[in-house]
């Protein structure tokens, strides 16, 4: 690239209009966001450690012995080619050697559902996995309660999460804009963001908490109706697992959107609270203005 071309690019970059910095995320919204991120990391990996103790999912009140109500199983078996890992989904068996059912740990074959790098601890230790899982489960619940109360008071819940008729009208256009990677930096969340966050906060989080409680023997004794709501303990366990997968998918998409929409701007809003909006956005009131 010639010096003239470089100068032209720099001039165009400086001439490109910028929207104002607005105060978008309150302090408790930011704190609980990072607490959730940490808690979900430990919950996922410790949950897989617990799941490895019995790597199968069923529908109903109990696992089948004289009947088959299994929908997923990860394991290993001996074959003519030697031990192989497998994953069975609704009766369809797939060879997953090296990842699921049979992996490698310190140079040795490790016959577990999920490999050691995906669990906490990395070796078989159900007791430690349960301690870590329950600890961060209550951290998640506490952070969710704090976020809910603070969001009710500062308007974040009504402004950015609760879906309104206008959001449904604008949703098709917003989806099309995202498909074309055209991101508009607004003062509030876009309709597609609201749908995603509403689903996480009011569907996935409550489901994963309630199904987790339904699997607890203590809660079964105190609230026997809870496990019945989910159609049995094994169904609750299956729903718990499925919701975990959906939350992981949400996380992957969330990170992808952050990168595509501008990671510096997105991270700044979740660290300092300030967010660079698109040109034409009205700035905040003077008391919340920030110099460029």
C-alpha atoms as a PDB file:
ATOM      1  CA  UNK A   1       0.000   0.000   0.000  1.00  0.00           C
ATOM      2  CA  UNK A   2       1.419   3.399  -0.980  1.00  0.00           C
ATOM      3  CA  UNK A   3       1.864   6.323   1.427  1.00  0.00           C
ATOM      4  CA  UNK A   4      -0.959   8.170  -0.342  1.00  0.00           C
ATOM      5  CA  UNK A   5      -3.315   5.221   0.124  1.00  0.00           C
ATOM      6  CA  UNK A   6      -2.417   4.939   3.803  1.00  0.00           C
ATOM      7  CA  UNK A   7      -3.033   8.664   4.293  1.00  0.00           C
ATOM      8  CA  UNK A   8      -6.399   8.350   2.526  1.00  0.00           C
ATOM      9  CA  UNK A   9      -7.462   5.459   4.784  1.00  0.00           C
ATOM     10  CA  UNK A  10      -6.467   7.417   7.889  1.00  0.00           C
ATOM     11  CA  UNK A  11      -8.370  10.499   6.702  1.00  0.00           C
ATOM     12  CA  UNK A  12     -11.473   8.408   5.956  1.00  0.00           C
ATOM     13  CA  UNK A  13     -11.225   6.751   9.371  1.00  0.00           C
ATOM     14  CA  UNK A  14     -10.966  10.113  11.125  1.00  0.00           C
ATOM     15  CA  UNK A  15     -13.787  11.556   9.032  1.00  0.00           C
ATOM     16  CA  UNK A  16     -16.134   8.642   9.731  1.00  0.00           C
ATOM     17  CA  UNK A  17     -18.811   9.933  12.105  1.00  0.00           C
ATOM     18  CA  UNK A  18     -19.099   8.382  15.537  1.00  0.00           C
ATOM     19  CA  UNK A  19     -22.149   8.143  17.688  1.00  0.00           C
ATOM     20  CA  UNK A  20     -22.124   9.353  21.289  1.00  0.00           C
ATOM     21  CA  UNK A  21     -20.984   7.348  24.266  1.00  0.00           C
ATOM     22  CA  UNK A  22     -23.982   6.551  26.447  1.00  0.00           C
ATOM     23  CA  UNK A  23     -24.212   4.979  29.884  1.00  0.00           C
ATOM     24  CA  UNK A  24     -25.907   1.706  28.967  1.00  0.00           C
ATOM     25  CA  UNK A  25     -25.169  -0.868  31.681  1.00  0.00           C
ATOM     26  CA  UNK A  26     -25.693  -0.249  35.405  1.00  0.00           C
ATOM     27  CA  UNK A  27     -23.078  -1.472  37.867  1.00  0.00           C
ATOM     28  CA  UNK A  28     -25.146  -4.397  39.181  1.00  0.00           C
ATOM     29  CA  UNK A  29     -25.966  -5.506  35.631  1.00  0.00           C
ATOM     30  CA  UNK A  30     -22.237  -5.647  34.867  1.00  0.00           C
ATOM     31  CA  UNK A  31     -21.276  -7.388  38.093  1.00  0.00           C
ATOM     32  CA  UNK A  32     -23.952 -10.066  37.798  1.00  0.00           C
ATOM     33  CA  UNK A  33     -23.050 -10.598  34.130  1.00  0.00           C
ATOM     34  CA  UNK A  34     -19.472 -11.574  35.032  1.00  0.00           C
ATOM     35  CA  UNK A  35     -20.601 -13.598  38.053  1.00  0.00           C
ATOM     36  CA  UNK A  36     -22.896 -15.608  35.755  1.00  0.00           C
ATOM     37  CA  UNK A  37     -20.059 -16.162  33.286  1.00  0.00           C
ATOM     38  CA  UNK A  38     -17.794 -17.578  36.004  1.00  0.00           C
ATOM     39  CA  UNK A  39     -20.568 -19.585  37.656  1.00  0.00           C
ATOM     40  CA  UNK A  40     -21.744 -21.114  34.370  1.00  0.00           C
ATOM     41  CA  UNK A  41     -18.188 -22.182  33.507  1.00  0.00           C
ATOM     42  CA  UNK A  42     -17.805 -24.129  36.755  1.00  0.00           C
ATOM     43  CA  UNK A  43     -21.378 -25.429  36.619  1.00  0.00           C
ATOM     44  CA  UNK A  44     -20.869 -26.829  33.124  1.00  0.00           C
ATOM     45  CA  UNK A  45     -17.597 -28.619  33.831  1.00  0.00           C
ATOM     46  CA  UNK A  46     -18.618 -29.918  37.258  1.00  0.00           C
ATOM     47  CA  UNK A  47     -21.986 -30.950  35.832  1.00  0.00           C
ATOM     48  CA  UNK A  48     -20.269 -33.084  33.219  1.00  0.00           C
ATOM     49  CA  UNK A  49     -18.233 -34.687  36.020  1.00  0.00           C
ATOM     50  CA  UNK A  50     -21.488 -35.590  37.787  1.00  0.00           C
ATOM     51  CA  UNK A  51     -23.073 -36.780  34.546  1.00  0.00           C
ATOM     52  CA  UNK A  52     -20.105 -39.079  33.888  1.00  0.00           C
ATOM     53  CA  UNK A  53     -21.150 -41.125  36.931  1.00  0.00           C
ATOM     54  CA  UNK A  54     -24.082 -42.390  34.826  1.00  0.00           C
ATOM     55  CA  UNK A  55     -23.712 -41.166  31.202  1.00  0.00           C
ATOM     56  CA  UNK A  56     -27.243 -41.845  30.001  1.00  0.00           C
ATOM     57  CA  UNK A  57     -30.542 -39.974  29.779  1.00  0.00           C
ATOM     58  CA  UNK A  58     -34.069 -41.340  30.153  1.00  0.00           C
ATOM     59  CA  UNK A  59     -37.682 -40.208  29.955  1.00  0.00           C
ATOM     60  CA  UNK A  60     -39.883 -41.065  32.922  1.00  0.00           C
ATOM     61  CA  UNK A  61     -39.659 -41.541  36.671  1.00  0.00           C
ATOM     62  CA  UNK A  62     -36.875 -44.125  36.553  1.00  0.00           C
ATOM     63  CA  UNK A  63     -34.257 -45.657  34.293  1.00  0.00           C
ATOM     64  CA  UNK A  64     -35.486 -48.737  32.498  1.00  0.00           C
ATOM     65  CA  UNK A  65     -34.361 -52.250  33.333  1.00  0.00           C
ATOM     66  CA  UNK A  66     -37.181 -54.414  31.994  1.00  0.00           C
ATOM     67  CA  UNK A  67     -38.127 -51.692  29.518  1.00  0.00           C
ATOM     68  CA  UNK A  68     -36.198 -49.191  27.406  1.00  0.00           C
ATOM     69  CA  UNK A  69     -36.823 -45.504  28.005  1.00  0.00           C
ATOM     70  CA  UNK A  70     -33.299 -44.400  27.137  1.00  0.00           C
ATOM     71  CA  UNK A  71     -32.766 -41.519  24.694  1.00  0.00           C
ATOM     72  CA  UNK A  72     -29.002 -40.970  25.024  1.00  0.00           C
ATOM     73  CA  UNK A  73     -26.045 -43.029  26.190  1.00  0.00           C
ATOM     74  CA  UNK A  74     -22.305 -42.464  26.012  1.00  0.00           C
ATOM     75  CA  UNK A  75     -20.020 -45.406  26.729  1.00  0.00           C
ATOM     76  CA  UNK A  76     -17.365 -47.788  25.446  1.00  0.00           C
ATOM     77  CA  UNK A  77     -17.354 -51.356  24.190  1.00  0.00           C
ATOM     78  CA  UNK A  78     -14.956 -54.021  22.985  1.00  0.00           C
ATOM     79  CA  UNK A  79     -14.863 -54.568  19.240  1.00  0.00           C
ATOM     80  CA  UNK A  80     -12.713 -56.547  16.807  1.00  0.00           C
ATOM     81  CA  UNK A  81     -10.622 -53.389  16.455  1.00  0.00           C
ATOM     82  CA  UNK A  82     -10.240 -53.038  20.212  1.00  0.00           C
ATOM     83  CA  UNK A  83     -12.064 -50.789  22.698  1.00  0.00           C
ATOM     84  CA  UNK A  84     -14.137 -48.069  21.058  1.00  0.00           C
ATOM     85  CA  UNK A  85     -16.161 -45.157  22.413  1.00  0.00           C
ATOM     86  CA  UNK A  86     -19.726 -44.709  21.253  1.00  0.00           C
ATOM     87  CA  UNK A  87     -22.685 -42.368  21.594  1.00  0.00           C
ATOM     88  CA  UNK A  88     -26.221 -43.660  21.109  1.00  0.00           C
ATOM     89  CA  UNK A  89     -29.001 -41.149  20.382  1.00  0.00           C
ATOM     90  CA  UNK A  90     -32.562 -42.509  20.093  1.00  0.00           C
ATOM     91  CA  UNK A  91     -31.187 -45.937  19.212  1.00  0.00           C
ATOM     92  CA  UNK A  92     -28.707 -44.685  16.591  1.00  0.00           C
ATOM     93  CA  UNK A  93     -25.117 -45.551  17.545  1.00  0.00           C
ATOM     94  CA  UNK A  94     -22.146 -43.395  16.505  1.00  0.00           C
ATOM     95  CA  UNK A  95     -18.438 -44.057  16.967  1.00  0.00           C
ATOM     96  CA  UNK A  96     -17.058 -41.181  19.076  1.00  0.00           C
ATOM     97  CA  UNK A  97     -13.721 -42.704  20.090  1.00  0.00           C
ATOM     98  CA  UNK A  98     -11.219 -40.106  21.240  1.00  0.00           C
ATOM     99  CA  UNK A  99     -13.882 -37.652  22.407  1.00  0.00           C
ATOM    100  CA  UNK A 100     -16.942 -39.263  23.967  1.00  0.00           C
ATOM    101  CA  UNK A 101     -16.979 -42.654  25.686  1.00  0.00           C
ATOM    102  CA  UNK A 102     -13.273 -43.268  25.283  1.00  0.00           C
ATOM    103  CA  UNK A 103     -10.606 -40.580  25.401  1.00  0.00           C
ATOM    104  CA  UNK A 104      -7.010 -40.215  26.480  1.00  0.00           C
ATOM    105  CA  UNK A 105      -5.786 -39.081  29.907  1.00  0.00           C
ATOM    106  CA  UNK A 106      -2.051 -38.784  30.530  1.00  0.00           C
ATOM    107  CA  UNK A 107      -1.289 -41.219  27.745  1.00  0.00           C
ATOM    108  CA  UNK A 108      -3.770 -43.866  28.894  1.00  0.00           C
ATOM    109  CA  UNK A 109      -7.219 -44.788  27.637  1.00  0.00           C
ATOM    110  CA  UNK A 110      -9.915 -43.169  29.772  1.00  0.00           C
ATOM    111  CA  UNK A 111     -13.334 -44.796  29.601  1.00  0.00           C
ATOM    112  CA  UNK A 112     -15.677 -41.957  30.607  1.00  0.00           C
ATOM    113  CA  UNK A 113     -18.559 -40.151  28.980  1.00  0.00           C
ATOM    114  CA  UNK A 114     -16.933 -36.736  28.588  1.00  0.00           C
ATOM    115  CA  UNK A 115     -13.122 -36.414  28.484  1.00  0.00           C
ATOM    116  CA  UNK A 116     -11.120 -35.114  31.440  1.00  0.00           C
ATOM    117  CA  UNK A 117     -10.407 -31.725  29.867  1.00  0.00           C
ATOM    118  CA  UNK A 118     -14.169 -31.031  29.887  1.00  0.00           C
ATOM    119  CA  UNK A 119     -14.767 -31.848  33.569  1.00  0.00           C
ATOM    120  CA  UNK A 120     -13.934 -30.487  37.021  1.00  0.00           C
ATOM    121  CA  UNK A 121     -11.946 -32.240  38.404  1.00  0.00           C
ATOM    122  CA  UNK A 122     -10.249 -33.684  35.302  1.00  0.00           C
ATOM    123  CA  UNK A 123     -10.196 -37.155  36.892  1.00  0.00           C
ATOM    124  CA  UNK A 124     -13.095 -39.188  38.299  1.00  0.00           C
ATOM    125  CA  UNK A 125     -14.168 -37.550  41.554  1.00  0.00           C
ATOM    126  CA  UNK A 126     -17.942 -37.386  41.901  1.00  0.00           C
ATOM    127  CA  UNK A 127     -17.856 -35.955  45.450  1.00  0.00           C
ATOM    128  CA  UNK A 128     -15.705 -32.957  44.470  1.00  0.00           C
ATOM    129  CA  UNK A 129     -17.760 -32.413  41.342  1.00  0.00           C
ATOM    130  CA  UNK A 130     -20.951 -32.263  43.389  1.00  0.00           C
ATOM    131  CA  UNK A 131     -19.443 -29.809  45.910  1.00  0.00           C
ATOM    132  CA  UNK A 132     -18.269 -27.477  43.122  1.00  0.00           C
ATOM    133  CA  UNK A 133     -21.574 -27.786  41.265  1.00  0.00           C
ATOM    134  CA  UNK A 134     -23.793 -27.020  44.258  1.00  0.00           C
ATOM    135  CA  UNK A 135     -21.596 -24.112  45.387  1.00  0.00           C
ATOM    136  CA  UNK A 136     -21.759 -22.334  42.033  1.00  0.00           C
ATOM    137  CA  UNK A 137     -25.440 -23.230  41.616  1.00  0.00           C
ATOM    138  CA  UNK A 138     -26.247 -21.080  44.650  1.00  0.00           C
ATOM    139  CA  UNK A 139     -23.906 -18.362  43.361  1.00  0.00           C
ATOM    140  CA  UNK A 140     -25.930 -18.368  40.133  1.00  0.00           C
ATOM    141  CA  UNK A 141     -29.257 -18.214  41.987  1.00  0.00           C
ATOM    142  CA  UNK A 142     -28.035 -15.383  44.237  1.00  0.00           C
ATOM    143  CA  UNK A 143     -26.737 -13.339  41.309  1.00  0.00           C
ATOM    144  CA  UNK A 144     -29.997 -13.892  39.442  1.00  0.00           C
ATOM    145  CA  UNK A 145     -32.002 -12.643  42.433  1.00  0.00           C
ATOM    146  CA  UNK A 146     -29.804  -9.528  42.747  1.00  0.00           C
ATOM    147  CA  UNK A 147     -30.094  -8.845  39.016  1.00  0.00           C
ATOM    148  CA  UNK A 148     -33.874  -9.255  39.076  1.00  0.00           C
ATOM    149  CA  UNK A 149     -34.377  -6.830  41.971  1.00  0.00           C
ATOM    150  CA  UNK A 150     -31.940  -4.228  40.625  1.00  0.00           C
ATOM    151  CA  UNK A 151     -33.370  -4.492  37.100  1.00  0.00           C
ATOM    152  CA  UNK A 152     -36.857  -3.843  38.414  1.00  0.00           C
ATOM    153  CA  UNK A 153     -35.679  -0.654  40.113  1.00  0.00           C
ATOM    154  CA  UNK A 154     -33.407   0.749  37.383  1.00  0.00           C
ATOM    155  CA  UNK A 155     -35.764  -0.082  34.506  1.00  0.00           C
ATOM    156  CA  UNK A 156     -33.369  -2.486  32.785  1.00  0.00           C
ATOM    157  CA  UNK A 157     -35.884  -5.335  32.937  1.00  0.00           C
ATOM    158  CA  UNK A 158     -38.718  -3.420  31.290  1.00  0.00           C
ATOM    159  CA  UNK A 159     -36.502  -1.517  28.854  1.00  0.00           C
ATOM    160  CA  UNK A 160     -34.174  -4.266  27.627  1.00  0.00           C
ATOM    161  CA  UNK A 161     -35.648  -7.700  28.423  1.00  0.00           C
ATOM    162  CA  UNK A 162     -39.445  -7.654  28.520  1.00  0.00           C
ATOM    163  CA  UNK A 163     -40.826  -8.141  25.010  1.00  0.00           C
ATOM    164  CA  UNK A 164     -43.353  -5.619  23.719  1.00  0.00           C
ATOM    165  CA  UNK A 165     -45.646  -5.658  20.658  1.00  0.00           C
ATOM    166  CA  UNK A 166     -43.261  -3.337  18.800  1.00  0.00           C
ATOM    167  CA  UNK A 167     -40.416  -5.840  19.274  1.00  0.00           C
ATOM    168  CA  UNK A 168     -42.423  -8.586  17.582  1.00  0.00           C
ATOM    169  CA  UNK A 169     -43.231  -6.272  14.655  1.00  0.00           C
ATOM    170  CA  UNK A 170     -39.564  -5.361  14.191  1.00  0.00           C
ATOM    171  CA  UNK A 171     -38.185  -8.863  14.807  1.00  0.00           C
ATOM    172  CA  UNK A 172     -38.224 -10.132  11.162  1.00  0.00           C
ATOM    173  CA  UNK A 173     -36.293  -7.081   9.958  1.00  0.00           C
ATOM    174  CA  UNK A 174     -33.825  -7.370  12.842  1.00  0.00           C
ATOM    175  CA  UNK A 175     -33.199 -11.043  12.038  1.00  0.00           C
ATOM    176  CA  UNK A 176     -32.552 -10.128   8.401  1.00  0.00           C
ATOM    177  CA  UNK A 177     -30.125  -7.390   9.479  1.00  0.00           C
ATOM    178  CA  UNK A 178     -28.219  -9.865  11.653  1.00  0.00           C
ATOM    179  CA  UNK A 179     -28.065 -12.403   8.821  1.00  0.00           C
ATOM    180  CA  UNK A 180     -26.378  -9.728   6.695  1.00  0.00           C
ATOM    181  CA  UNK A 181     -24.086  -8.801   9.621  1.00  0.00           C
ATOM    182  CA  UNK A 182     -25.480  -5.292   9.785  1.00  0.00           C
ATOM    183  CA  UNK A 183     -25.372  -4.337  13.432  1.00  0.00           C
ATOM    184  CA  UNK A 184     -26.995  -1.178  14.758  1.00  0.00           C
ATOM    185  CA  UNK A 185     -25.591   0.070  18.039  1.00  0.00           C
ATOM    186  CA  UNK A 186     -28.689   1.233  19.855  1.00  0.00           C
ATOM    187  CA  UNK A 187     -29.363   2.739  23.231  1.00  0.00           C
ATOM    188  CA  UNK A 188     -31.472  -0.315  24.109  1.00  0.00           C
ATOM    189  CA  UNK A 189     -31.302  -3.948  22.996  1.00  0.00           C
ATOM    190  CA  UNK A 190     -32.563  -4.938  19.565  1.00  0.00           C
ATOM    191  CA  UNK A 191     -35.667  -7.158  19.233  1.00  0.00           C
ATOM    192  CA  UNK A 192     -33.518 -10.238  18.551  1.00  0.00           C
ATOM    193  CA  UNK A 193     -31.396  -9.530  21.626  1.00  0.00           C
ATOM    194  CA  UNK A 194     -34.535  -9.153  23.724  1.00  0.00           C
ATOM    195  CA  UNK A 195     -35.881 -12.503  22.508  1.00  0.00           C
ATOM    196  CA  UNK A 196     -32.573 -14.184  23.368  1.00  0.00           C
ATOM    197  CA  UNK A 197     -32.244 -12.617  26.825  1.00  0.00           C
ATOM    198  CA  UNK A 198     -35.912 -13.141  27.646  1.00  0.00           C
ATOM    199  CA  UNK A 199     -35.521 -16.811  26.771  1.00  0.00           C
ATOM    200  CA  UNK A 200     -32.413 -17.140  28.951  1.00  0.00           C
ATOM    201  CA  UNK A 201     -33.710 -15.256  31.998  1.00  0.00           C
ATOM    202  CA  UNK A 202     -37.324 -16.411  32.018  1.00  0.00           C
ATOM    203  CA  UNK A 203     -37.173 -19.868  30.426  1.00  0.00           C
ATOM    204  CA  UNK A 204     -33.717 -21.464  30.528  1.00  0.00           C
ATOM    205  CA  UNK A 205     -32.489 -20.201  33.910  1.00  0.00           C
ATOM    206  CA  UNK A 206     -35.743 -21.097  35.736  1.00  0.00           C
ATOM    207  CA  UNK A 207     -35.832 -24.503  34.031  1.00  0.00           C
ATOM    208  CA  UNK A 208     -32.265 -25.423  34.900  1.00  0.00           C
ATOM    209  CA  UNK A 209     -32.736 -24.299  38.515  1.00  0.00           C
ATOM    210  CA  UNK A 210     -36.069 -26.090  39.006  1.00  0.00           C
ATOM    211  CA  UNK A 211     -34.937 -29.324  37.337  1.00  0.00           C
ATOM    212  CA  UNK A 212     -31.799 -29.223  39.471  1.00  0.00           C
ATOM    213  CA  UNK A 213     -33.947 -28.941  42.583  1.00  0.00           C
ATOM    214  CA  UNK A 214     -36.226 -31.734  41.318  1.00  0.00           C
ATOM    215  CA  UNK A 215     -33.236 -34.106  41.297  1.00  0.00           C
ATOM    216  CA  UNK A 216     -32.405 -33.371  44.935  1.00  0.00           C
ATOM    217  CA  UNK A 217     -33.613 -36.057  47.409  1.00  0.00           C
ATOM    218  CA  UNK A 218     -34.069 -33.343  50.045  1.00  0.00           C
ATOM    219  CA  UNK A 219     -36.325 -31.323  47.764  1.00  0.00           C
ATOM    220  CA  UNK A 220     -38.189 -34.506  46.772  1.00  0.00           C
ATOM    221  CA  UNK A 221     -39.056 -35.008  50.436  1.00  0.00           C
ATOM    222  CA  UNK A 222     -40.099 -31.401  51.006  1.00  0.00           C
ATOM    223  CA  UNK A 223     -41.676 -30.646  47.610  1.00  0.00           C
ATOM    224  CA  UNK A 224     -42.727 -34.006  46.106  1.00  0.00           C
ATOM    225  CA  UNK A 225     -44.926 -32.179  43.620  1.00  0.00           C
ATOM    226  CA  UNK A 226     -41.893 -30.572  41.948  1.00  0.00           C
ATOM    227  CA  UNK A 227     -40.537 -33.780  40.452  1.00  0.00           C
ATOM    228  CA  UNK A 228     -44.071 -34.726  39.353  1.00  0.00           C
ATOM    229  CA  UNK A 229     -44.353 -31.451  37.427  1.00  0.00           C
ATOM    230  CA  UNK A 230     -41.487 -32.604  35.213  1.00  0.00           C
ATOM    231  CA  UNK A 231     -42.871 -36.119  34.747  1.00  0.00           C
ATOM    232  CA  UNK A 232     -40.376 -37.922  36.941  1.00  0.00           C
ATOM    233  CA  UNK A 233     -36.826 -37.585  38.167  1.00  0.00           C
ATOM    234  CA  UNK A 234     -35.241 -39.011  35.031  1.00  0.00           C
ATOM    235  CA  UNK A 235     -37.204 -36.623  32.808  1.00  0.00           C
ATOM    236  CA  UNK A 236     -36.092 -33.728  35.029  1.00  0.00           C
ATOM    237  CA  UNK A 237     -32.486 -34.887  34.599  1.00  0.00           C
ATOM    238  CA  UNK A 238     -32.920 -35.044  30.826  1.00  0.00           C
ATOM    239  CA  UNK A 239     -34.446 -31.547  30.701  1.00  0.00           C
ATOM    240  CA  UNK A 240     -31.588 -30.296  32.904  1.00  0.00           C
ATOM    241  CA  UNK A 241     -29.070 -31.688  30.408  1.00  0.00           C
ATOM    242  CA  UNK A 242     -30.896 -30.270  27.359  1.00  0.00           C
ATOM    243  CA  UNK A 243     -31.129 -26.818  28.924  1.00  0.00           C
ATOM    244  CA  UNK A 244     -27.391 -26.975  29.641  1.00  0.00           C
ATOM    245  CA  UNK A 245     -26.767 -27.658  25.941  1.00  0.00           C
ATOM    246  CA  UNK A 246     -29.012 -24.712  24.977  1.00  0.00           C
ATOM    247  CA  UNK A 247     -27.141 -22.400  27.358  1.00  0.00           C
ATOM    248  CA  UNK A 248     -23.830 -23.483  25.832  1.00  0.00           C
ATOM    249  CA  UNK A 249     -25.225 -22.736  22.360  1.00  0.00           C
ATOM    250  CA  UNK A 250     -26.401 -19.325  23.592  1.00  0.00           C
ATOM    251  CA  UNK A 251     -22.916 -18.636  24.936  1.00  0.00           C
ATOM    252  CA  UNK A 252     -21.285 -19.564  21.616  1.00  0.00           C
ATOM    253  CA  UNK A 253     -23.668 -17.344  19.633  1.00  0.00           C
ATOM    254  CA  UNK A 254     -23.297 -14.559  22.208  1.00  0.00           C
ATOM    255  CA  UNK A 255     -19.496 -14.547  21.861  1.00  0.00           C
ATOM    256  CA  UNK A 256     -19.772 -14.652  18.062  1.00  0.00           C
ATOM    257  CA  UNK A 257     -22.093 -11.630  18.082  1.00  0.00           C
ATOM    258  CA  UNK A 258     -19.766  -9.728  20.404  1.00  0.00           C
ATOM    259  CA  UNK A 259     -16.848 -10.316  18.016  1.00  0.00           C
ATOM    260  CA  UNK A 260     -18.854  -9.427  14.898  1.00  0.00           C
ATOM    261  CA  UNK A 261     -20.502  -6.324  16.397  1.00  0.00           C
ATOM    262  CA  UNK A 262     -17.235  -4.900  17.734  1.00  0.00           C
ATOM    263  CA  UNK A 263     -15.601  -6.562  20.748  1.00  0.00           C
ATOM    264  CA  UNK A 264     -14.004  -3.387  22.154  1.00  0.00           C
ATOM    265  CA  UNK A 265     -17.295  -1.520  22.261  1.00  0.00           C
ATOM    266  CA  UNK A 266     -19.221  -4.511  23.625  1.00  0.00           C
ATOM    267  CA  UNK A 267     -16.654  -5.289  26.318  1.00  0.00           C
ATOM    268  CA  UNK A 268     -16.413  -1.630  27.308  1.00  0.00           C
ATOM    269  CA  UNK A 269     -20.136  -1.566  27.985  1.00  0.00           C
ATOM    270  CA  UNK A 270     -19.837  -4.582  30.307  1.00  0.00           C
ATOM    271  CA  UNK A 271     -16.770  -3.219  32.099  1.00  0.00           C
ATOM    272  CA  UNK A 272     -17.310   0.550  32.333  1.00  0.00           C
ATOM    273  CA  UNK A 273     -21.016   0.748  31.463  1.00  0.00           C
ATOM    274  CA  UNK A 274     -20.389   3.109  28.525  1.00  0.00           C
ATOM    275  CA  UNK A 275     -21.364   2.103  24.994  1.00  0.00           C
ATOM    276  CA  UNK A 276     -20.629   3.747  21.649  1.00  0.00           C
ATOM    277  CA  UNK A 277     -23.914   4.021  19.765  1.00  0.00           C
ATOM    278  CA  UNK A 278     -24.503   4.549  16.059  1.00  0.00           C
ATOM    279  CA  UNK A 279     -24.469   8.109  14.666  1.00  0.00           C
ATOM    280  CA  UNK A 280     -27.737   9.918  15.183  1.00  0.00           C
ATOM    281  CA  UNK A 281     -28.379   8.500  18.648  1.00  0.00           C
ATOM    282  CA  UNK A 282     -29.347  11.122  21.190  1.00  0.00           C
ATOM    283  CA  UNK A 283     -26.624  11.523  23.856  1.00  0.00           C
ATOM    284  CA  UNK A 284     -27.271  11.046  27.544  1.00  0.00           C
ATOM    285  CA  UNK A 285     -28.183  13.868  29.858  1.00  0.00           C
ATOM    286  CA  UNK A 286     -25.199  16.107  30.835  1.00  0.00           C
ATOM    287  CA  UNK A 287     -24.698  14.365  34.181  1.00  0.00           C
ATOM    288  CA  UNK A 288     -23.900  11.110  32.363  1.00  0.00           C
ATOM    289  CA  UNK A 289     -21.951  12.474  29.411  1.00  0.00           C
ATOM    290  CA  UNK A 290     -18.425  11.268  28.895  1.00  0.00           C
ATOM    291  CA  UNK A 291     -15.748  12.855  26.776  1.00  0.00           C
ATOM    292  CA  UNK A 292     -14.465  10.974  23.821  1.00  0.00           C
END
